[in-house]
Every structure is written in C-alpha cells, then in structure tokens.
Amino acid sequence: MPYVDGFLIAVPKQKLDDYKALASLAGPIWIEHGALSYVECVGDDVPYGKLTSFPRAVHAKDDEVVIFSWVTYDSRETRDSVVGKVMDDPRLADEQWQDIFDGKRMIYGGFQSFLKL
C-alpha cells in the first residue's frame, strides 16, 4: 500500500494559472526523484462550513480557490528521501511558490494507507 502526502492550500483566483504552471513543473520533478504519482485538484464543490471545511482550514478568502493535492510513494522511507531531494532541487526554488500562495496557511501531512478498493 502506498504512503501518501496530502496538501491543502488556498490560491488567489487571479494566480490559478500561475499555480497550474508551477504544479506542471513540480509534478514531473517529484516523479523523477521517486514518487509514484502526483495529483493536483482545484476545489469545485467545497462549501464554507459553519464549523469546519476545506476553505476554513486554510482561511480561504472570497477571492481564493482551494487546492487539494497528494503525492504517493512506495514507503515512508522513500517519501522522506524524495521530499529531501525535491526540497533541494533548484528547479523548485521557494521564491516561485511564495509569489503564488501563502505557505503559512498550507496544511500537509503524511499518511500510511490501510485500505484500497
């Protein structure tokens, strides 16, 4: 069963095309360094909940969309290695991301799969 990294961010609507271009650059780099898959999704039906919701989680503003992403790996060990390589890859300098979304509001974490149907 794959190990999964999940990510949730808010992206200003006017920067969505920039985000998509950067994600299109990042995905192949993740795969090059050993990830099994790389998926990016833009919120289409993510209502602002009364208590909890995807938009609340990232403090999304009215002019922002929620992005949900995940990357899969064959193991936690592989994930740790791949993330280290990706973070050191000069093609994905932090400055690129900082101009598109607020990393302080990003939610992320690693998950061990236990069921796949």
N, C-alpha and C. Protein backbone atom coordinates (compact mmCIF):
# COMPACT_ATOMS: atom_id res chain seq x y z
N MET A 1 0.85 -1.19 0.00
CA MET A 1 0.00 0.00 0.00
C MET A 1 0.89 1.25 0.00
N PRO A 2 0.53 2.25 -0.78
CA PRO A 2 1.39 3.43 -0.88
C PRO A 2 1.35 4.32 0.36
N TYR A 3 2.42 5.04 0.54
CA TYR A 3 2.48 6.11 1.53
C TYR A 3 2.02 7.37 0.80
N VAL A 4 1.23 8.22 1.45
CA VAL A 4 0.62 9.38 0.79
C VAL A 4 0.94 10.65 1.55
N ASP A 5 1.40 11.67 0.85
CA ASP A 5 1.50 13.03 1.38
C ASP A 5 0.30 13.80 0.87
N GLY A 6 -0.42 14.48 1.75
CA GLY A 6 -1.56 15.30 1.36
C GLY A 6 -1.28 16.76 1.62
N PHE A 7 -1.81 17.62 0.77
CA PHE A 7 -1.60 19.06 0.86
C PHE A 7 -2.91 19.80 0.61
N LEU A 8 -3.12 20.87 1.35
CA LEU A 8 -4.30 21.72 1.17
C LEU A 8 -3.82 23.16 1.25
N ILE A 9 -4.13 23.96 0.21
CA ILE A 9 -3.72 25.36 0.19
C ILE A 9 -4.84 26.22 -0.41
N ALA A 10 -4.71 27.52 -0.21
CA ALA A 10 -5.60 28.49 -0.85
C ALA A 10 -4.77 29.28 -1.85
N VAL A 11 -5.29 29.42 -3.06
CA VAL A 11 -4.60 30.15 -4.13
C VAL A 11 -5.51 31.27 -4.62
N PRO A 12 -4.99 32.49 -4.72
CA PRO A 12 -5.81 33.56 -5.29
C PRO A 12 -6.28 33.19 -6.70
N LYS A 13 -7.54 33.45 -6.99
CA LYS A 13 -8.10 33.09 -8.29
C LYS A 13 -7.31 33.68 -9.43
N GLN A 14 -6.81 34.89 -9.27
CA GLN A 14 -6.06 35.52 -10.36
C GLN A 14 -4.68 34.88 -10.55
N LYS A 15 -4.25 34.03 -9.61
CA LYS A 15 -2.96 33.35 -9.75
C LYS A 15 -3.10 31.86 -10.03
N LEU A 16 -4.32 31.42 -10.30
CA LEU A 16 -4.56 29.99 -10.53
C LEU A 16 -3.78 29.47 -11.73
N ASP A 17 -3.72 30.21 -12.82
CA ASP A 17 -2.96 29.75 -13.98
C ASP A 17 -1.47 29.64 -13.65
N ASP A 18 -0.96 30.57 -12.85
CA ASP A 18 0.44 30.50 -12.41
C ASP A 18 0.67 29.25 -11.57
N TYR A 19 -0.28 28.96 -10.67
CA TYR A 19 -0.16 27.77 -9.83
C TYR A 19 -0.17 26.51 -10.70
N LYS A 20 -1.08 26.45 -11.65
CA LYS A 20 -1.15 25.28 -12.52
C LYS A 20 0.15 25.08 -13.29
N ALA A 21 0.75 26.16 -13.75
CA ALA A 21 2.03 26.07 -14.48
C ALA A 21 3.13 25.55 -13.56
N LEU A 22 3.16 26.06 -12.33
CA LEU A 22 4.18 25.61 -11.39
C LEU A 22 3.96 24.15 -10.99
N ALA A 23 2.70 23.76 -10.81
CA ALA A 23 2.40 22.36 -10.49
C ALA A 23 2.80 21.44 -11.65
N SER A 24 2.62 21.92 -12.87
CA SER A 24 3.01 21.14 -14.04
C SER A 24 4.53 20.96 -14.11
N LEU A 25 5.26 21.90 -13.57
CA LEU A 25 6.71 21.78 -13.46
C LEU A 25 7.08 20.84 -12.31
N ALA A 26 6.41 21.00 -11.16
CA ALA A 26 6.75 20.26 -9.95
C ALA A 26 6.45 18.77 -10.06
N GLY A 27 5.32 18.41 -10.63
CA GLY A 27 4.92 17.01 -10.69
C GLY A 27 5.97 16.10 -11.29
N PRO A 28 6.46 16.41 -12.49
CA PRO A 28 7.49 15.55 -13.08
C PRO A 28 8.78 15.49 -12.25
N ILE A 29 9.07 16.56 -11.52
CA ILE A 29 10.27 16.56 -10.66
C ILE A 29 10.07 15.57 -9.51
N TRP A 30 8.87 15.58 -8.90
CA TRP A 30 8.56 14.62 -7.84
C TRP A 30 8.72 13.19 -8.38
N ILE A 31 8.16 12.95 -9.57
CA ILE A 31 8.24 11.61 -10.17
C ILE A 31 9.70 11.25 -10.48
N GLU A 32 10.44 12.21 -11.02
CA GLU A 32 11.86 11.99 -11.33
C GLU A 32 12.63 11.54 -10.09
N HIS A 33 12.29 12.11 -8.94
CA HIS A 33 13.00 11.79 -7.70
C HIS A 33 12.46 10.55 -6.99
N GLY A 34 11.40 9.92 -7.54
CA GLY A 34 10.96 8.64 -6.99
C GLY A 34 9.52 8.52 -6.53
N ALA A 35 8.72 9.57 -6.64
CA ALA A 35 7.30 9.45 -6.29
C ALA A 35 6.59 8.56 -7.30
N LEU A 36 5.55 7.88 -6.85
CA LEU A 36 4.76 7.02 -7.74
C LEU A 36 3.74 7.81 -8.53
N SER A 37 3.13 8.81 -7.88
CA SER A 37 2.12 9.63 -8.56
C SER A 37 2.07 11.01 -7.91
N TYR A 38 1.51 11.96 -8.65
CA TYR A 38 1.41 13.35 -8.21
C TYR A 38 0.09 13.88 -8.76
N VAL A 39 -0.80 14.32 -7.86
CA VAL A 39 -2.14 14.76 -8.27
C VAL A 39 -2.43 16.14 -7.69
N GLU A 40 -2.97 17.03 -8.51
CA GLU A 40 -3.39 18.38 -8.10
C GLU A 40 -4.86 18.56 -8.47
N CYS A 41 -5.65 19.07 -7.54
CA CYS A 41 -7.08 19.28 -7.77
C CYS A 41 -7.47 20.68 -7.31
N VAL A 42 -8.33 21.34 -8.09
CA VAL A 42 -8.85 22.65 -7.70
C VAL A 42 -10.28 22.47 -7.20
N GLY A 43 -10.60 23.13 -6.09
CA GLY A 43 -11.92 23.00 -5.49
C GLY A 43 -13.04 23.38 -6.44
N ASP A 44 -14.03 22.52 -6.52
CA ASP A 44 -15.16 22.72 -7.39
C ASP A 44 -16.46 22.75 -6.59
N ASP A 45 -16.48 21.99 -5.49
CA ASP A 45 -17.65 21.90 -4.63
C ASP A 45 -17.17 21.82 -3.19
N VAL A 46 -16.67 22.92 -2.69
CA VAL A 46 -16.10 22.98 -1.34
C VAL A 46 -16.74 24.13 -0.56
N PRO A 47 -17.95 23.91 -0.07
CA PRO A 47 -18.66 24.98 0.64
C PRO A 47 -17.96 25.37 1.94
N TYR A 48 -18.16 26.61 2.30
CA TYR A 48 -17.62 27.14 3.55
C TYR A 48 -18.51 26.66 4.69
N GLY A 49 -18.02 25.74 5.50
CA GLY A 49 -18.81 25.14 6.56
C GLY A 49 -19.02 26.05 7.76
N LYS A 50 -20.01 25.72 8.55
CA LYS A 50 -20.29 26.51 9.76
C LYS A 50 -19.23 26.30 10.82
N LEU A 51 -18.71 25.09 10.92
CA LEU A 51 -17.71 24.80 11.94
C LEU A 51 -16.36 24.42 11.32
N THR A 52 -16.40 23.47 10.37
CA THR A 52 -15.17 23.04 9.69
C THR A 52 -15.43 22.90 8.20
N SER A 53 -14.39 23.03 7.42
CA SER A 53 -14.46 22.84 5.97
C SER A 53 -13.07 23.03 5.39
N PHE A 54 -12.90 22.63 4.14
CA PHE A 54 -11.62 22.86 3.48
C PHE A 54 -11.30 24.36 3.43
N PRO A 55 -12.24 25.23 3.02
CA PRO A 55 -11.90 26.66 2.99
C PRO A 55 -11.55 27.21 4.38
N ARG A 56 -12.27 26.80 5.41
CA ARG A 56 -11.96 27.26 6.77
C ARG A 56 -10.57 26.80 7.20
N ALA A 57 -10.22 25.58 6.84
CA ALA A 57 -8.94 25.01 7.26
C ALA A 57 -7.76 25.86 6.80
N VAL A 58 -7.86 26.43 5.60
CA VAL A 58 -6.75 27.23 5.05
C VAL A 58 -7.05 28.72 5.07
N HIS A 59 -8.11 29.09 5.78
CA HIS A 59 -8.51 30.51 5.86
C HIS A 59 -8.67 31.13 4.47
N ALA A 60 -9.33 30.39 3.58
CA ALA A 60 -9.53 30.87 2.21
C ALA A 60 -10.39 32.13 2.20
N LYS A 61 -9.97 33.09 1.41
CA LYS A 61 -10.70 34.34 1.24
C LYS A 61 -11.65 34.20 0.05
N ASP A 62 -12.55 35.17 -0.09
CA ASP A 62 -13.54 35.13 -1.17
C ASP A 62 -12.89 35.08 -2.56
N ASP A 63 -11.70 35.64 -2.69
CA ASP A 63 -11.04 35.68 -4.00
C ASP A 63 -10.03 34.55 -4.18
N GLU A 64 -10.15 33.49 -3.37
CA GLU A 64 -9.23 32.36 -3.45
C GLU A 64 -9.97 31.05 -3.72
N VAL A 65 -9.25 30.10 -4.30
CA VAL A 65 -9.76 28.75 -4.50
C VAL A 65 -8.93 27.79 -3.66
N VAL A 66 -9.54 26.68 -3.29
CA VAL A 66 -8.84 25.68 -2.50
C VAL A 66 -8.23 24.64 -3.44
N ILE A 67 -6.97 24.32 -3.18
CA ILE A 67 -6.26 23.30 -3.93
C ILE A 67 -5.99 22.12 -2.99
N PHE A 68 -6.34 20.92 -3.45
CA PHE A 68 -6.08 19.69 -2.70
C PHE A 68 -5.16 18.84 -3.55
N SER A 69 -4.05 18.41 -2.97
CA SER A 69 -3.04 17.68 -3.73
C SER A 69 -2.56 16.48 -2.93
N TRP A 70 -2.06 15.48 -3.66
CA TRP A 70 -1.41 14.38 -2.97
C TRP A 70 -0.35 13.77 -3.85
N VAL A 71 0.63 13.19 -3.18
CA VAL A 71 1.75 12.52 -3.84
C VAL A 71 1.85 11.14 -3.19
N THR A 72 2.06 10.11 -4.00
CA THR A 72 2.20 8.77 -3.43
C THR A 72 3.62 8.24 -3.62
N TYR A 73 3.99 7.36 -2.69
CA TYR A 73 5.33 6.75 -2.67
C TYR A 73 5.17 5.29 -2.28
N ASP A 74 6.20 4.49 -2.52
CA ASP A 74 6.09 3.08 -2.15
C ASP A 74 6.27 2.85 -0.65
N SER A 75 6.84 3.83 0.08
CA SER A 75 7.04 3.67 1.52
C SER A 75 7.32 5.03 2.16
N ARG A 76 7.26 5.07 3.47
CA ARG A 76 7.61 6.29 4.21
C ARG A 76 9.08 6.63 3.98
N GLU A 77 9.92 5.63 3.95
CA GLU A 77 11.35 5.85 3.74
C GLU A 77 11.61 6.50 2.38
N THR A 78 10.93 5.98 1.35
CA THR A 78 11.07 6.58 0.02
C THR A 78 10.57 8.01 0.04
N ARG A 79 9.43 8.24 0.70
CA ARG A 79 8.89 9.61 0.80
C ARG A 79 9.90 10.55 1.42
N ASP A 80 10.52 10.15 2.53
CA ASP A 80 11.50 11.01 3.19
C ASP A 80 12.66 11.35 2.27
N SER A 81 13.11 10.37 1.51
CA SER A 81 14.20 10.58 0.56
C SER A 81 13.77 11.51 -0.58
N VAL A 82 12.59 11.24 -1.15
CA VAL A 82 12.10 12.04 -2.28
C VAL A 82 11.89 13.49 -1.85
N VAL A 83 11.25 13.70 -0.72
CA VAL A 83 10.99 15.08 -0.27
C VAL A 83 12.30 15.83 -0.06
N GLY A 84 13.31 15.17 0.49
CA GLY A 84 14.61 15.81 0.66
C GLY A 84 15.20 16.25 -0.66
N LYS A 85 15.11 15.37 -1.66
CA LYS A 85 15.64 15.70 -2.98
C LYS A 85 14.85 16.82 -3.65
N VAL A 86 13.53 16.77 -3.51
CA VAL A 86 12.69 17.82 -4.11
C VAL A 86 12.98 19.17 -3.46
N MET A 87 13.10 19.19 -2.14
CA MET A 87 13.37 20.45 -1.45
C MET A 87 14.72 21.04 -1.84
N ASP A 88 15.67 20.19 -2.22
CA ASP A 88 16.99 20.65 -2.64
C ASP A 88 17.09 20.92 -4.14
N ASP A 89 16.04 20.60 -4.89
CA ASP A 89 16.08 20.75 -6.34
C ASP A 89 15.98 22.23 -6.71
N PRO A 90 16.97 22.79 -7.38
CA PRO A 90 16.96 24.23 -7.71
C PRO A 90 15.84 24.63 -8.67
N ARG A 91 15.24 23.66 -9.35
CA ARG A 91 14.14 23.99 -10.26
C ARG A 91 12.87 24.37 -9.51
N LEU A 92 12.84 24.09 -8.20
CA LEU A 92 11.66 24.41 -7.39
C LEU A 92 12.03 25.34 -6.24
N ALA A 93 12.65 26.44 -6.57
CA ALA A 93 13.05 27.41 -5.55
C ALA A 93 11.83 27.94 -4.80
N ASP A 94 12.00 28.13 -3.49
CA ASP A 94 10.91 28.63 -2.64
C ASP A 94 10.28 29.91 -3.16
N GLU A 95 11.07 30.75 -3.77
CA GLU A 95 10.55 32.05 -4.23
C GLU A 95 9.41 31.88 -5.23
N GLN A 96 9.47 30.84 -6.03
CA GLN A 96 8.41 30.60 -7.02
C GLN A 96 7.07 30.39 -6.33
N TRP A 97 7.05 29.58 -5.28
CA TRP A 97 5.81 29.26 -4.58
C TRP A 97 5.30 30.46 -3.79
N GLN A 98 6.21 31.19 -3.17
CA GLN A 98 5.83 32.31 -2.30
C GLN A 98 5.07 33.39 -3.05
N ASP A 99 5.33 33.54 -4.33
CA ASP A 99 4.64 34.56 -5.12
C ASP A 99 3.21 34.12 -5.50
N ILE A 100 2.89 32.84 -5.30
CA ILE A 100 1.60 32.32 -5.76
C ILE A 100 0.64 32.03 -4.61
N PHE A 101 1.14 31.51 -3.49
CA PHE A 101 0.26 31.23 -2.35
C PHE A 101 1.00 31.42 -1.04
N ASP A 102 0.22 31.55 0.02
CA ASP A 102 0.75 31.77 1.36
C ASP A 102 1.03 30.43 2.02
N GLY A 103 2.30 30.05 2.07
CA GLY A 103 2.69 28.77 2.64
C GLY A 103 2.37 28.62 4.11
N LYS A 104 2.17 29.72 4.82
CA LYS A 104 1.84 29.66 6.25
C LYS A 104 0.45 29.07 6.47
N ARG A 105 -0.40 29.13 5.43
CA ARG A 105 -1.75 28.58 5.56
C ARG A 105 -1.87 27.19 4.95
N MET A 106 -0.77 26.64 4.48
CA MET A 106 -0.79 25.30 3.90
C MET A 106 -0.93 24.26 5.01
N ILE A 107 -1.75 23.24 4.74
CA ILE A 107 -1.89 22.10 5.63
C ILE A 107 -1.30 20.91 4.88
N TYR A 108 -0.48 20.13 5.55
CA TYR A 108 0.12 18.98 4.90
C TYR A 108 0.41 17.90 5.93
N GLY A 109 0.55 16.69 5.45
CA GLY A 109 0.90 15.59 6.33
C GLY A 109 1.07 14.31 5.55
N GLY A 110 1.74 13.36 6.20
CA GLY A 110 1.97 12.05 5.60
C GLY A 110 1.02 11.01 6.19
N PHE A 111 0.56 10.11 5.34
CA PHE A 111 -0.45 9.12 5.73
C PHE A 111 -0.05 7.74 5.24
N GLN A 112 -0.19 6.76 6.12
CA GLN A 112 0.02 5.36 5.75
C GLN A 112 -1.30 4.78 5.27
N SER A 113 -1.34 4.29 4.07
CA SER A 113 -2.56 3.69 3.52
C SER A 113 -2.89 2.41 4.30
N PHE A 114 -4.19 2.16 4.47
CA PHE A 114 -4.59 0.90 5.09
C PHE A 114 -5.70 0.19 4.33
N LEU A 115 -6.30 0.86 3.34
CA LEU A 115 -7.36 0.23 2.55
C LEU A 115 -7.38 0.85 1.16
N LYS A 116 -7.44 -0.02 0.16
CA LYS A 116 -7.56 0.44 -1.23
C LYS A 116 -8.52 -0.51 -1.91
N LEU A 117 -9.60 0.02 -2.47
CA LEU A 117 -10.61 -0.82 -3.13
C LEU A 117 -10.61 -0.56 -4.63
